[in-house]
Amino acid sequence: MMLLDTHVLVWLDEGWPRLGKNALQQIDAELSTGNLAVSAISFWEIAMLIQKGRLEMRLEVDVWRKELLENGLREIPLDGAIAIRAGGLQDFHGDPADRLIVATALQTSSILMTADQKILAWKNLSLKFNAQN
């Protein structure tokens, strides 16, 4: 399974050119097999960005989320195991959303697609894909 980082989900929806050709091909392949996912925390992150005026969307977040899920995106809910794993990440920066997303990828043995250099540089996450490739 492939788990999209929050910014990758937004870039994909907006059609931003920051997503690389290989990344788009991998996303399409995973979506076609029902193996493209996002952590539930990503929707919280997006709602917060909208509330702070740092992101605008054409739809309300709940409608947008529903459409994504109807089109095959899987949502991975947060649970206690993911929360505990997020709290125990060694040598990882303190952003709670990033910690939960990385912990979700680890807990589900998913490849994390991200362009976040801090995450890409973290040695304890072997299953990662640079979204800009």
C-alpha atoms as a PDB file:
ATOM      1  CA  MET A   1       0.000   0.000   0.000  1.00  0.00           C
ATOM      2  CA  MET A   2       1.081   3.580  -0.597  1.00  0.00           C
ATOM      3  CA  LEU A   3       0.307   6.296   1.946  1.00  0.00           C
ATOM      4  CA  LEU A   4       0.264   9.891   0.719  1.00  0.00           C
ATOM      5  CA  ASP A   5       1.648  12.657   2.890  1.00  0.00           C
ATOM      6  CA  THR A   6      -0.777  15.560   3.302  1.00  0.00           C
ATOM      7  CA  HIS A   7       0.978  17.897   0.864  1.00  0.00           C
ATOM      8  CA  VAL A   8       1.112  15.150  -1.774  1.00  0.00           C
ATOM      9  CA  LEU A   9      -2.655  14.686  -1.497  1.00  0.00           C
ATOM     10  CA  VAL A  10      -3.169  18.431  -1.978  1.00  0.00           C
ATOM     11  CA  TRP A  11      -0.683  18.581  -4.879  1.00  0.00           C
ATOM     12  CA  LEU A  12      -2.409  15.646  -6.541  1.00  0.00           C
ATOM     13  CA  ASP A  13      -5.848  17.218  -6.210  1.00  0.00           C
ATOM     14  CA  GLU A  14      -4.624  20.594  -7.435  1.00  0.00           C
ATOM     15  CA  GLY A  15      -2.613  19.131 -10.317  1.00  0.00           C
ATOM     16  CA  TRP A  16       0.562  20.841  -9.120  1.00  0.00           C
ATOM     17  CA  PRO A  17       3.641  20.230 -11.246  1.00  0.00           C
ATOM     18  CA  ARG A  18       5.708  19.522  -8.119  1.00  0.00           C
ATOM     19  CA  LEU A  19       4.638  15.897  -8.373  1.00  0.00           C
ATOM     20  CA  GLY A  20       7.145  14.033 -10.493  1.00  0.00           C
ATOM     21  CA  LYS A  21       6.279  11.794 -13.415  1.00  0.00           C
ATOM     22  CA  ASN A  22       7.330   8.636 -11.558  1.00  0.00           C
ATOM     23  CA  ALA A  23       5.296   9.696  -8.531  1.00  0.00           C
ATOM     24  CA  LEU A  24       2.172  10.210 -10.639  1.00  0.00           C
ATOM     25  CA  GLN A  25       2.632   6.827 -12.317  1.00  0.00           C
ATOM     26  CA  GLN A  26       3.031   5.134  -8.937  1.00  0.00           C
ATOM     27  CA  ILE A  27      -0.047   6.921  -7.552  1.00  0.00           C
ATOM     28  CA  ASP A  28      -2.128   5.835 -10.553  1.00  0.00           C
ATOM     29  CA  ALA A  29      -0.933   2.247 -10.210  1.00  0.00           C
ATOM     30  CA  GLU A  30      -1.733   2.119  -6.497  1.00  0.00           C
ATOM     31  CA  LEU A  31      -5.135   3.754  -6.979  1.00  0.00           C
ATOM     32  CA  SER A  32      -6.069   1.275  -9.707  1.00  0.00           C
ATOM     33  CA  THR A  33      -5.410  -1.631  -7.326  1.00  0.00           C
ATOM     34  CA  GLY A  34      -7.170  -0.045  -4.343  1.00  0.00           C
ATOM     35  CA  ASN A  35      -3.896   0.462  -2.491  1.00  0.00           C
ATOM     36  CA  LEU A  36      -3.681   4.255  -2.293  1.00  0.00           C
ATOM     37  CA  ALA A  37      -4.276   5.625   1.173  1.00  0.00           C
ATOM     38  CA  VAL A  38      -4.052   8.660   3.410  1.00  0.00           C
ATOM     39  CA  SER A  39      -3.936   8.993   7.172  1.00  0.00           C
ATOM     40  CA  ALA A  40      -7.078  10.471   8.731  1.00  0.00           C
ATOM     41  CA  ILE A  41      -4.842  13.134  10.314  1.00  0.00           C
ATOM     42  CA  SER A  42      -4.243  14.578   6.830  1.00  0.00           C
ATOM     43  CA  PHE A  43      -7.848  15.758   6.652  1.00  0.00           C
ATOM     44  CA  TRP A  44      -7.423  17.498  10.012  1.00  0.00           C
ATOM     45  CA  GLU A  45      -4.218  19.119   8.743  1.00  0.00           C
ATOM     46  CA  ILE A  46      -5.967  20.364   5.608  1.00  0.00           C
ATOM     47  CA  ALA A  47      -8.923  21.724   7.591  1.00  0.00           C
ATOM     48  CA  MET A  48      -6.484  23.598   9.847  1.00  0.00           C
ATOM     49  CA  LEU A  49      -4.631  25.073   6.865  1.00  0.00           C
ATOM     50  CA  ILE A  50      -7.920  26.307   5.425  1.00  0.00           C
ATOM     51  CA  GLN A  51      -8.980  27.782   8.758  1.00  0.00           C
ATOM     52  CA  LYS A  52      -5.650  29.645   9.015  1.00  0.00           C
ATOM     53  CA  GLY A  53      -6.033  30.984   5.456  1.00  0.00           C
ATOM     54  CA  ARG A  54      -2.964  29.101   4.194  1.00  0.00           C
ATOM     55  CA  LEU A  55      -4.931  26.917   1.776  1.00  0.00           C
ATOM     56  CA  GLU A  56      -8.026  27.421  -0.347  1.00  0.00           C
ATOM     57  CA  MET A  57     -10.123  24.655  -1.810  1.00  0.00           C
ATOM     58  CA  ARG A  58     -12.905  24.604  -4.366  1.00  0.00           C
ATOM     59  CA  LEU A  59     -15.054  22.365  -2.139  1.00  0.00           C
ATOM     60  CA  GLU A  60     -15.781  22.111   1.556  1.00  0.00           C
ATOM     61  CA  VAL A  61     -13.304  19.703   3.149  1.00  0.00           C
ATOM     62  CA  ASP A  62     -15.959  17.161   4.128  1.00  0.00           C
ATOM     63  CA  VAL A  63     -17.359  17.064   0.578  1.00  0.00           C
ATOM     64  CA  TRP A  64     -13.840  16.844  -0.890  1.00  0.00           C
ATOM     65  CA  ARG A  65     -12.946  13.987   1.489  1.00  0.00           C
ATOM     66  CA  LYS A  66     -16.120  12.107   0.605  1.00  0.00           C
ATOM     67  CA  GLU A  67     -15.393  12.431  -3.127  1.00  0.00           C
ATOM     68  CA  LEU A  68     -11.817  11.199  -2.688  1.00  0.00           C
ATOM     69  CA  LEU A  69     -12.989   8.174  -0.720  1.00  0.00           C
ATOM     70  CA  GLU A  70     -15.722   7.425  -3.267  1.00  0.00           C
ATOM     71  CA  ASN A  71     -13.070   7.512  -6.007  1.00  0.00           C
ATOM     72  CA  GLY A  72     -10.951   4.837  -4.351  1.00  0.00           C
ATOM     73  CA  LEU A  73      -8.683   6.613  -1.875  1.00  0.00           C
ATOM     74  CA  ARG A  74      -8.476   4.665   1.388  1.00  0.00           C
ATOM     75  CA  GLU A  75      -8.498   6.449   4.727  1.00  0.00           C
ATOM     76  CA  ILE A  76      -6.426   4.893   7.509  1.00  0.00           C
ATOM     77  CA  PRO A  77      -7.971   5.803  10.874  1.00  0.00           C
ATOM     78  CA  LEU A  78      -5.816   6.693  13.844  1.00  0.00           C
ATOM     79  CA  ASP A  79      -5.787   4.215  16.690  1.00  0.00           C
ATOM     80  CA  GLY A  80      -3.894   3.618  19.893  1.00  0.00           C
ATOM     81  CA  ALA A  81      -1.176   1.525  18.242  1.00  0.00           C
ATOM     82  CA  ILE A  82      -0.418   4.295  15.751  1.00  0.00           C
ATOM     83  CA  ALA A  83      -0.462   6.926  18.509  1.00  0.00           C
ATOM     84  CA  ILE A  84       1.970   4.941  20.643  1.00  0.00           C
ATOM     85  CA  ARG A  85       4.257   4.338  17.671  1.00  0.00           C
ATOM     86  CA  ALA A  86       4.184   8.073  16.836  1.00  0.00           C
ATOM     87  CA  GLY A  87       5.173   8.919  20.386  1.00  0.00           C
ATOM     88  CA  GLY A  88       8.082   6.517  20.292  1.00  0.00           C
ATOM     89  CA  LEU A  89       9.716   7.579  17.029  1.00  0.00           C
ATOM     90  CA  GLN A  90      13.438   7.962  17.713  1.00  0.00           C
ATOM     91  CA  ASP A  91      15.377  10.955  16.342  1.00  0.00           C
ATOM     92  CA  PHE A  92      12.306  12.341  14.569  1.00  0.00           C
ATOM     93  CA  HIS A  93      11.190  15.962  14.630  1.00  0.00           C
ATOM     94  CA  GLY A  94       8.303  17.084  16.828  1.00  0.00           C
ATOM     95  CA  ASP A  95       5.509  17.904  14.355  1.00  0.00           C
ATOM     96  CA  PRO A  96       2.585  15.805  15.633  1.00  0.00           C
ATOM     97  CA  ALA A  97       0.906  15.362  12.244  1.00  0.00           C
ATOM     98  CA  ASP A  98       4.146  14.226  10.605  1.00  0.00           C
ATOM     99  CA  ARG A  99       4.762  11.818  13.473  1.00  0.00           C
ATOM    100  CA  LEU A 100       1.277  10.334  13.082  1.00  0.00           C
ATOM    101  CA  ILE A 101       1.609  10.027   9.304  1.00  0.00           C
ATOM    102  CA  VAL A 102       4.995   8.307   9.574  1.00  0.00           C
ATOM    103  CA  ALA A 103       3.692   6.041  12.342  1.00  0.00           C
ATOM    104  CA  THR A 104       0.700   5.142  10.153  1.00  0.00           C
ATOM    105  CA  ALA A 105       3.038   4.180   7.316  1.00  0.00           C
ATOM    106  CA  LEU A 106       5.162   2.089   9.664  1.00  0.00           C
ATOM    107  CA  GLN A 107       2.181   0.438  11.359  1.00  0.00           C
ATOM    108  CA  THR A 108       0.594  -0.538   8.034  1.00  0.00           C
ATOM    109  CA  SER A 109       3.900  -1.400   6.286  1.00  0.00           C
ATOM    110  CA  SER A 110       3.057   1.191   3.636  1.00  0.00           C
ATOM    111  CA  ILE A 111       5.329   3.157   1.347  1.00  0.00           C
ATOM    112  CA  LEU A 112       5.091   6.832   2.323  1.00  0.00           C
ATOM    113  CA  MET A 113       5.049   9.237  -0.609  1.00  0.00           C
ATOM    114  CA  THR A 114       6.348  12.602   0.526  1.00  0.00           C
ATOM    115  CA  ALA A 115       8.493  15.538  -0.531  1.00  0.00           C
ATOM    116  CA  ASP A 116       9.228  16.484   3.090  1.00  0.00           C
ATOM    117  CA  GLN A 117      13.016  16.497   3.330  1.00  0.00           C
ATOM    118  CA  LYS A 118      12.995  15.836   7.072  1.00  0.00           C
ATOM    119  CA  ILE A 119      10.982  12.671   6.544  1.00  0.00           C
ATOM    120  CA  LEU A 120      12.996  11.580   3.501  1.00  0.00           C
ATOM    121  CA  ALA A 121      16.236  12.031   5.450  1.00  0.00           C
ATOM    122  CA  TRP A 122      15.028  10.048   8.467  1.00  0.00           C
ATOM    123  CA  LYS A 123      16.932   6.754   8.425  1.00  0.00           C
ATOM    124  CA  ASN A 124      14.363   4.728  10.344  1.00  0.00           C
ATOM    125  CA  LEU A 125      11.823   4.850   7.524  1.00  0.00           C
ATOM    126  CA  SER A 126      12.981   2.566   4.751  1.00  0.00           C
ATOM    127  CA  LEU A 127       9.717   2.521   2.769  1.00  0.00           C
ATOM    128  CA  LYS A 128       9.543   6.009   1.286  1.00  0.00           C
ATOM    129  CA  PHE A 129       9.089   7.488  -2.174  1.00  0.00           C
ATOM    130  CA  ASN A 130      10.117  11.030  -3.087  1.00  0.00           C
ATOM    131  CA  ALA A 131       7.044  12.694  -4.571  1.00  0.00           C
ATOM    132  CA  GLN A 132       9.171  14.995  -6.686  1.00  0.00           C
ATOM    133  CA  ASN A 133      10.717  12.153  -8.696  1.00  0.00           C
END
